[in-house]
Amino acid sequence: MKDRGGADGEKLPALHPPPVVRRPRVNIRAQVLLWGAQRASAAVLALCVIVHLVTIVYAVRNGLSAAEILGRTRGSGPWLGFYLLFVAAVAVHAPIGLRNVLSETFDWRGRSLDFAMLLTGILLAIWGTRAAWAVFA
């Protein structure tokens, strides 16, 4: 107790007790796995973006139309594989980054955030796969 100068040296209770600091429970292993997945997917994305941009520059410099580009990509297994890898990297990378932003900005934590980001990743994977298949088929 804090001495507030009571009579005869008597100790009086403190006016304001110290605040209780509650630390959120953090699963360190999960955080390390998310950090690793974020970095690995970033490396894959970097390579995919470079290949994608080089392909665009090549197409533009050679005056290829959209129809000509699709004619070259239709039925091409390697291009489908490349774009499915690109989609997978996005579906892993984006939700983890968004999870961190939402957690820091809105103090949103827990299973609801984890579920929302899992759903975000699944939706990105579905939409990206549909787009890659459209270019291939």
N, C-alpha and C. Protein backbone atom coordinates (compact mmCIF):
# COMPACT_ATOMS: atom_id res chain seq x y z
N MET A 1 0.83 -1.19 0.00
CA MET A 1 0.00 0.00 0.00
C MET A 1 0.87 1.24 0.00
N LYS A 2 0.35 2.25 -0.57
CA LYS A 2 1.10 3.50 -0.69
C LYS A 2 0.82 4.37 0.53
N ASP A 3 1.85 4.98 1.03
CA ASP A 3 1.68 5.86 2.18
C ASP A 3 1.16 7.20 1.69
N ARG A 4 -0.05 7.55 2.18
CA ARG A 4 -0.62 8.85 1.79
C ARG A 4 -0.56 9.83 2.95
N GLY A 5 0.26 9.52 3.92
CA GLY A 5 0.44 10.46 5.02
C GLY A 5 -0.70 10.42 6.03
N GLY A 6 -1.13 9.23 6.42
CA GLY A 6 -2.19 9.10 7.42
C GLY A 6 -1.67 9.46 8.80
N ALA A 7 -2.57 9.59 9.76
CA ALA A 7 -2.20 9.94 11.13
C ALA A 7 -1.38 8.81 11.74
N ASP A 8 -0.40 9.18 12.50
CA ASP A 8 0.45 8.23 13.23
C ASP A 8 1.14 7.23 12.30
N GLY A 9 1.50 7.66 11.10
CA GLY A 9 2.22 6.79 10.18
C GLY A 9 1.37 5.66 9.62
N GLU A 10 0.10 5.78 9.80
CA GLU A 10 -0.82 4.74 9.33
C GLU A 10 -0.81 4.70 7.80
N LYS A 11 -0.80 3.50 7.27
CA LYS A 11 -0.79 3.31 5.81
C LYS A 11 -2.23 3.27 5.31
N LEU A 12 -2.51 4.09 4.31
CA LEU A 12 -3.82 4.11 3.69
C LEU A 12 -3.73 3.45 2.32
N PRO A 13 -4.83 2.84 1.84
CA PRO A 13 -4.77 2.20 0.52
C PRO A 13 -4.50 3.21 -0.59
N ALA A 14 -3.86 2.72 -1.63
CA ALA A 14 -3.57 3.57 -2.79
C ALA A 14 -4.87 3.98 -3.46
N LEU A 15 -4.90 5.20 -3.99
CA LEU A 15 -6.10 5.69 -4.65
C LEU A 15 -6.36 4.96 -5.96
N HIS A 16 -5.31 4.65 -6.67
CA HIS A 16 -5.44 4.01 -7.97
C HIS A 16 -4.56 2.77 -8.00
N PRO A 17 -5.17 1.60 -7.95
CA PRO A 17 -4.34 0.38 -8.01
C PRO A 17 -3.67 0.29 -9.36
N PRO A 18 -2.54 -0.40 -9.42
CA PRO A 18 -1.85 -0.52 -10.71
C PRO A 18 -2.73 -1.27 -11.71
N PRO A 19 -2.62 -0.90 -12.99
CA PRO A 19 -3.46 -1.56 -14.00
C PRO A 19 -3.04 -3.02 -14.18
N VAL A 20 -4.02 -3.83 -14.47
CA VAL A 20 -3.76 -5.24 -14.74
C VAL A 20 -3.42 -5.36 -16.22
N VAL A 21 -2.24 -5.88 -16.51
CA VAL A 21 -1.81 -6.04 -17.89
C VAL A 21 -2.13 -7.47 -18.31
N ARG A 22 -3.00 -7.59 -19.28
CA ARG A 22 -3.35 -8.91 -19.80
C ARG A 22 -2.70 -9.09 -21.15
N ARG A 23 -1.87 -10.05 -21.23
CA ARG A 23 -1.19 -10.34 -22.48
C ARG A 23 -1.98 -11.40 -23.24
N PRO A 24 -2.16 -11.18 -24.53
CA PRO A 24 -2.89 -12.20 -25.30
C PRO A 24 -2.08 -13.48 -25.36
N ARG A 25 -2.79 -14.58 -25.38
CA ARG A 25 -2.13 -15.87 -25.53
C ARG A 25 -1.67 -16.00 -26.97
N VAL A 26 -0.41 -16.27 -27.14
CA VAL A 26 0.15 -16.38 -28.48
C VAL A 26 0.77 -17.77 -28.62
N ASN A 27 0.39 -18.44 -29.68
CA ASN A 27 0.99 -19.73 -29.98
C ASN A 27 2.26 -19.45 -30.79
N ILE A 28 3.38 -19.56 -30.12
CA ILE A 28 4.67 -19.22 -30.74
C ILE A 28 4.93 -20.10 -31.95
N ARG A 29 4.62 -21.39 -31.84
CA ARG A 29 4.87 -22.31 -32.97
C ARG A 29 4.06 -21.88 -34.19
N ALA A 30 2.79 -21.53 -33.98
CA ALA A 30 1.94 -21.09 -35.09
C ALA A 30 2.49 -19.82 -35.72
N GLN A 31 2.97 -18.90 -34.89
CA GLN A 31 3.51 -17.64 -35.41
C GLN A 31 4.77 -17.90 -36.24
N VAL A 32 5.61 -18.83 -35.80
CA VAL A 32 6.83 -19.16 -36.55
C VAL A 32 6.46 -19.81 -37.89
N LEU A 33 5.47 -20.69 -37.87
CA LEU A 33 5.04 -21.33 -39.12
C LEU A 33 4.45 -20.30 -40.08
N LEU A 34 3.64 -19.38 -39.57
CA LEU A 34 3.08 -18.33 -40.43
C LEU A 34 4.19 -17.44 -40.99
N TRP A 35 5.16 -17.11 -40.15
CA TRP A 35 6.27 -16.27 -40.61
C TRP A 35 7.02 -16.99 -41.74
N GLY A 36 7.30 -18.27 -41.56
CA GLY A 36 8.00 -19.04 -42.59
C GLY A 36 7.20 -19.14 -43.88
N ALA A 37 5.89 -19.39 -43.74
CA ALA A 37 5.03 -19.48 -44.93
C ALA A 37 4.97 -18.14 -45.65
N GLN A 38 4.95 -17.06 -44.90
CA GLN A 38 4.91 -15.72 -45.50
C GLN A 38 6.19 -15.46 -46.30
N ARG A 39 7.33 -15.82 -45.73
CA ARG A 39 8.61 -15.58 -46.42
C ARG A 39 8.77 -16.50 -47.62
N ALA A 40 8.41 -17.76 -47.48
CA ALA A 40 8.54 -18.71 -48.60
C ALA A 40 7.62 -18.31 -49.75
N SER A 41 6.39 -17.94 -49.42
CA SER A 41 5.46 -17.53 -50.49
C SER A 41 5.92 -16.23 -51.13
N ALA A 42 6.57 -15.36 -50.37
CA ALA A 42 7.10 -14.12 -50.94
C ALA A 42 8.19 -14.42 -51.96
N ALA A 43 9.03 -15.40 -51.67
CA ALA A 43 10.10 -15.77 -52.61
C ALA A 43 9.50 -16.33 -53.90
N VAL A 44 8.49 -17.19 -53.77
CA VAL A 44 7.83 -17.75 -54.96
C VAL A 44 7.15 -16.63 -55.74
N LEU A 45 6.47 -15.73 -55.03
CA LEU A 45 5.81 -14.62 -55.70
C LEU A 45 6.80 -13.74 -56.46
N ALA A 46 7.95 -13.49 -55.87
CA ALA A 46 8.95 -12.65 -56.54
C ALA A 46 9.34 -13.26 -57.88
N LEU A 47 9.60 -14.55 -57.89
CA LEU A 47 9.95 -15.22 -59.15
C LEU A 47 8.78 -15.19 -60.14
N CYS A 48 7.58 -15.47 -59.66
CA CYS A 48 6.42 -15.50 -60.55
C CYS A 48 6.14 -14.12 -61.15
N VAL A 49 6.26 -13.09 -60.33
CA VAL A 49 6.01 -11.73 -60.84
C VAL A 49 7.05 -11.38 -61.92
N ILE A 50 8.30 -11.74 -61.71
CA ILE A 50 9.34 -11.46 -62.71
C ILE A 50 9.03 -12.17 -64.02
N VAL A 51 8.70 -13.46 -63.95
CA VAL A 51 8.36 -14.21 -65.17
C VAL A 51 7.14 -13.60 -65.84
N HIS A 52 6.13 -13.26 -65.06
CA HIS A 52 4.90 -12.67 -65.60
C HIS A 52 5.19 -11.34 -66.31
N LEU A 53 5.98 -10.48 -65.67
CA LEU A 53 6.29 -9.18 -66.27
C LEU A 53 7.16 -9.32 -67.52
N VAL A 54 8.13 -10.22 -67.49
CA VAL A 54 8.96 -10.45 -68.67
C VAL A 54 8.09 -10.93 -69.83
N THR A 55 7.13 -11.79 -69.53
CA THR A 55 6.22 -12.30 -70.56
C THR A 55 5.37 -11.17 -71.14
N ILE A 56 4.90 -10.28 -70.29
CA ILE A 56 4.11 -9.14 -70.75
C ILE A 56 4.94 -8.23 -71.65
N VAL A 57 6.16 -7.93 -71.21
CA VAL A 57 7.03 -7.06 -72.02
C VAL A 57 7.31 -7.72 -73.37
N TYR A 58 7.58 -9.01 -73.38
CA TYR A 58 7.81 -9.73 -74.62
C TYR A 58 6.58 -9.63 -75.54
N ALA A 59 5.42 -9.85 -74.99
CA ALA A 59 4.19 -9.81 -75.78
C ALA A 59 3.95 -8.42 -76.36
N VAL A 60 4.16 -7.41 -75.56
CA VAL A 60 3.92 -6.03 -76.02
C VAL A 60 4.93 -5.64 -77.09
N ARG A 61 6.19 -5.95 -76.87
CA ARG A 61 7.23 -5.59 -77.84
C ARG A 61 7.07 -6.30 -79.17
N ASN A 62 6.49 -7.48 -79.14
CA ASN A 62 6.28 -8.22 -80.38
C ASN A 62 4.88 -8.01 -80.96
N GLY A 63 4.14 -7.08 -80.39
CA GLY A 63 2.84 -6.72 -80.92
C GLY A 63 1.79 -7.83 -80.87
N LEU A 64 1.90 -8.71 -79.90
CA LEU A 64 0.92 -9.80 -79.81
C LEU A 64 -0.41 -9.29 -79.28
N SER A 65 -1.48 -9.74 -79.90
CA SER A 65 -2.82 -9.39 -79.41
C SER A 65 -3.21 -10.37 -78.31
N ALA A 66 -4.30 -10.05 -77.61
CA ALA A 66 -4.80 -10.94 -76.56
C ALA A 66 -5.14 -12.30 -77.14
N ALA A 67 -5.73 -12.31 -78.33
CA ALA A 67 -6.09 -13.58 -78.97
C ALA A 67 -4.84 -14.40 -79.28
N GLU A 68 -3.77 -13.74 -79.74
CA GLU A 68 -2.53 -14.47 -80.03
C GLU A 68 -1.89 -15.02 -78.75
N ILE A 69 -1.95 -14.23 -77.68
CA ILE A 69 -1.40 -14.70 -76.40
C ILE A 69 -2.18 -15.92 -75.91
N LEU A 70 -3.50 -15.83 -75.96
CA LEU A 70 -4.33 -16.96 -75.53
C LEU A 70 -4.10 -18.17 -76.43
N GLY A 71 -3.86 -17.93 -77.70
CA GLY A 71 -3.56 -19.03 -78.62
C GLY A 71 -2.29 -19.76 -78.23
N ARG A 72 -1.34 -19.04 -77.67
CA ARG A 72 -0.08 -19.66 -77.25
C ARG A 72 -0.19 -20.35 -75.89
N THR A 73 -1.09 -19.86 -75.04
CA THR A 73 -1.20 -20.44 -73.70
C THR A 73 -2.23 -21.57 -73.61
N ARG A 74 -3.19 -21.58 -74.51
CA ARG A 74 -4.24 -22.62 -74.46
C ARG A 74 -3.62 -24.00 -74.61
N GLY A 75 -3.97 -24.87 -73.68
CA GLY A 75 -3.49 -26.24 -73.74
C GLY A 75 -2.04 -26.42 -73.31
N SER A 76 -1.41 -25.37 -72.83
CA SER A 76 -0.01 -25.46 -72.43
C SER A 76 0.08 -25.83 -70.94
N GLY A 77 0.47 -27.07 -70.69
CA GLY A 77 0.62 -27.54 -69.31
C GLY A 77 1.62 -26.75 -68.49
N PRO A 78 2.78 -26.41 -69.06
CA PRO A 78 3.74 -25.62 -68.28
C PRO A 78 3.19 -24.27 -67.84
N TRP A 79 2.46 -23.59 -68.74
CA TRP A 79 1.89 -22.30 -68.35
C TRP A 79 0.81 -22.48 -67.29
N LEU A 80 0.00 -23.52 -67.42
CA LEU A 80 -1.01 -23.80 -66.39
C LEU A 80 -0.33 -24.06 -65.05
N GLY A 81 0.71 -24.87 -65.06
CA GLY A 81 1.45 -25.16 -63.82
C GLY A 81 2.05 -23.90 -63.22
N PHE A 82 2.62 -23.05 -64.09
CA PHE A 82 3.20 -21.80 -63.60
C PHE A 82 2.15 -20.93 -62.93
N TYR A 83 1.01 -20.74 -63.60
CA TYR A 83 -0.01 -19.87 -63.02
C TYR A 83 -0.70 -20.48 -61.81
N LEU A 84 -0.78 -21.80 -61.73
CA LEU A 84 -1.32 -22.43 -60.51
C LEU A 84 -0.35 -22.25 -59.34
N LEU A 85 0.95 -22.29 -59.61
CA LEU A 85 1.94 -22.00 -58.57
C LEU A 85 1.82 -20.55 -58.11
N PHE A 86 1.63 -19.65 -59.05
CA PHE A 86 1.44 -18.23 -58.77
C PHE A 86 0.21 -18.05 -57.86
N VAL A 87 -0.89 -18.70 -58.22
CA VAL A 87 -2.13 -18.62 -57.44
C VAL A 87 -1.91 -19.17 -56.03
N ALA A 88 -1.24 -20.29 -55.92
CA ALA A 88 -1.00 -20.89 -54.60
C ALA A 88 -0.19 -19.95 -53.71
N ALA A 89 0.82 -19.31 -54.29
CA ALA A 89 1.65 -18.38 -53.52
C ALA A 89 0.82 -17.18 -53.04
N VAL A 90 -0.05 -16.68 -53.91
CA VAL A 90 -0.92 -15.56 -53.52
C VAL A 90 -1.89 -15.99 -52.42
N ALA A 91 -2.47 -17.18 -52.57
CA ALA A 91 -3.45 -17.67 -51.61
C ALA A 91 -2.84 -17.91 -50.23
N VAL A 92 -1.54 -18.15 -50.17
CA VAL A 92 -0.86 -18.29 -48.88
C VAL A 92 -0.41 -16.93 -48.36
N HIS A 93 0.21 -16.15 -49.21
CA HIS A 93 0.85 -14.90 -48.81
C HIS A 93 -0.15 -13.81 -48.39
N ALA A 94 -1.15 -13.57 -49.19
CA ALA A 94 -2.07 -12.46 -48.93
C ALA A 94 -2.84 -12.59 -47.61
N PRO A 95 -3.43 -13.74 -47.30
CA PRO A 95 -4.16 -13.83 -46.03
C PRO A 95 -3.27 -13.66 -44.79
N ILE A 96 -2.04 -14.13 -44.86
CA ILE A 96 -1.14 -13.98 -43.71
C ILE A 96 -0.83 -12.50 -43.50
N GLY A 97 -0.53 -11.79 -44.59
CA GLY A 97 -0.26 -10.36 -44.48
C GLY A 97 -1.48 -9.60 -44.01
N LEU A 98 -2.64 -9.92 -44.56
CA LEU A 98 -3.88 -9.26 -44.15
C LEU A 98 -4.20 -9.56 -42.69
N ARG A 99 -3.92 -10.78 -42.26
CA ARG A 99 -4.14 -11.16 -40.86
C ARG A 99 -3.32 -10.27 -39.93
N ASN A 100 -2.06 -10.04 -40.29
CA ASN A 100 -1.21 -9.18 -39.46
C ASN A 100 -1.71 -7.75 -39.44
N VAL A 101 -2.13 -7.23 -40.58
CA VAL A 101 -2.64 -5.85 -40.64
C VAL A 101 -3.90 -5.72 -39.79
N LEU A 102 -4.83 -6.65 -39.94
CA LEU A 102 -6.08 -6.59 -39.17
C LEU A 102 -5.82 -6.74 -37.67
N SER A 103 -4.89 -7.60 -37.32
CA SER A 103 -4.55 -7.81 -35.92
C SER A 103 -3.96 -6.55 -35.29
N GLU A 104 -3.04 -5.90 -36.01
CA GLU A 104 -2.40 -4.71 -35.48
C GLU A 104 -3.30 -3.48 -35.52
N THR A 105 -4.11 -3.36 -36.58
CA THR A 105 -4.92 -2.16 -36.75
C THR A 105 -6.18 -2.18 -35.89
N PHE A 106 -6.85 -3.33 -35.87
CA PHE A 106 -8.15 -3.40 -35.19
C PHE A 106 -8.11 -4.27 -33.94
N ASP A 107 -6.93 -4.71 -33.53
CA ASP A 107 -6.78 -5.55 -32.35
C ASP A 107 -7.68 -6.79 -32.44
N TRP A 108 -7.82 -7.30 -33.66
CA TRP A 108 -8.65 -8.48 -33.90
C TRP A 108 -7.75 -9.70 -33.82
N ARG A 109 -8.09 -10.58 -32.89
CA ARG A 109 -7.29 -11.78 -32.69
C ARG A 109 -8.21 -12.96 -32.47
N GLY A 110 -7.65 -14.13 -32.44
CA GLY A 110 -8.40 -15.31 -32.08
C GLY A 110 -8.89 -16.12 -33.27
N ARG A 111 -9.76 -17.05 -32.94
CA ARG A 111 -10.23 -18.00 -33.94
C ARG A 111 -11.05 -17.34 -35.05
N SER A 112 -11.78 -16.27 -34.72
CA SER A 112 -12.58 -15.63 -35.77
C SER A 112 -11.68 -15.03 -36.84
N LEU A 113 -10.57 -14.43 -36.44
CA LEU A 113 -9.62 -13.88 -37.41
C LEU A 113 -8.98 -15.01 -38.21
N ASP A 114 -8.59 -16.08 -37.52
CA ASP A 114 -7.98 -17.21 -38.22
C ASP A 114 -8.95 -17.81 -39.25
N PHE A 115 -10.22 -17.94 -38.86
CA PHE A 115 -11.22 -18.49 -39.78
C PHE A 115 -11.44 -17.56 -40.97
N ALA A 116 -11.53 -16.25 -40.71
CA ALA A 116 -11.73 -15.28 -41.80
C ALA A 116 -10.57 -15.32 -42.79
N MET A 117 -9.35 -15.47 -42.29
CA MET A 117 -8.19 -15.50 -43.18
C MET A 117 -8.09 -16.84 -43.92
N LEU A 118 -8.51 -17.92 -43.28
CA LEU A 118 -8.57 -19.21 -43.97
C LEU A 118 -9.57 -19.13 -45.12
N LEU A 119 -10.71 -18.54 -44.85
CA LEU A 119 -11.72 -18.37 -45.90
C LEU A 119 -11.20 -17.47 -47.02
N THR A 120 -10.49 -16.41 -46.67
CA THR A 120 -9.89 -15.52 -47.67
C THR A 120 -8.92 -16.29 -48.57
N GLY A 121 -8.07 -17.10 -47.97
CA GLY A 121 -7.11 -17.90 -48.73
C GLY A 121 -7.80 -18.89 -49.66
N ILE A 122 -8.85 -19.53 -49.16
CA ILE A 122 -9.59 -20.50 -49.98
C ILE A 122 -10.25 -19.79 -51.16
N LEU A 123 -10.86 -18.64 -50.91
CA LEU A 123 -11.51 -17.90 -52.00
C LEU A 123 -10.49 -17.43 -53.04
N LEU A 124 -9.35 -16.94 -52.59
CA LEU A 124 -8.30 -16.53 -53.53
C LEU A 124 -7.84 -17.71 -54.37
N ALA A 125 -7.69 -18.86 -53.74
CA ALA A 125 -7.27 -20.06 -54.47
C ALA A 125 -8.31 -20.47 -55.50
N ILE A 126 -9.58 -20.42 -55.13
CA ILE A 126 -10.66 -20.79 -56.07
C ILE A 126 -10.70 -19.82 -57.25
N TRP A 127 -10.72 -18.53 -56.94
CA TRP A 127 -10.81 -17.53 -58.02
C TRP A 127 -9.58 -17.57 -58.92
N GLY A 128 -8.40 -17.71 -58.33
CA GLY A 128 -7.19 -17.76 -59.12
C GLY A 128 -7.12 -19.00 -59.99
N THR A 129 -7.56 -20.13 -59.45
CA THR A 129 -7.58 -21.37 -60.23
C THR A 129 -8.53 -21.25 -61.41
N ARG A 130 -9.68 -20.64 -61.18
CA ARG A 130 -10.63 -20.43 -62.28
C ARG A 130 -10.01 -19.55 -63.37
N ALA A 131 -9.29 -18.51 -62.97
CA ALA A 131 -8.65 -17.62 -63.95
C ALA A 131 -7.56 -18.36 -64.72
N ALA A 132 -6.74 -19.15 -64.01
CA ALA A 132 -5.67 -19.89 -64.68
C ALA A 132 -6.27 -20.93 -65.64
N TRP A 133 -7.34 -21.57 -65.22
CA TRP A 133 -7.99 -22.58 -66.08
C TRP A 133 -8.57 -21.91 -67.32
N ALA A 134 -9.11 -20.71 -67.17
CA ALA A 134 -9.69 -19.98 -68.31
C ALA A 134 -8.63 -19.69 -69.38
N VAL A 135 -7.42 -19.40 -68.94
CA VAL A 135 -6.32 -19.13 -69.86
C VAL A 135 -5.86 -20.43 -70.52
N PHE A 136 -5.92 -21.52 -69.78
CA PHE A 136 -5.45 -22.82 -70.29
C PHE A 136 -6.45 -23.51 -71.21
N ALA A 137 -7.72 -23.52 -70.77
CA ALA A 137 -8.75 -24.33 -71.48
C ALA A 137 -9.14 -23.76 -72.82
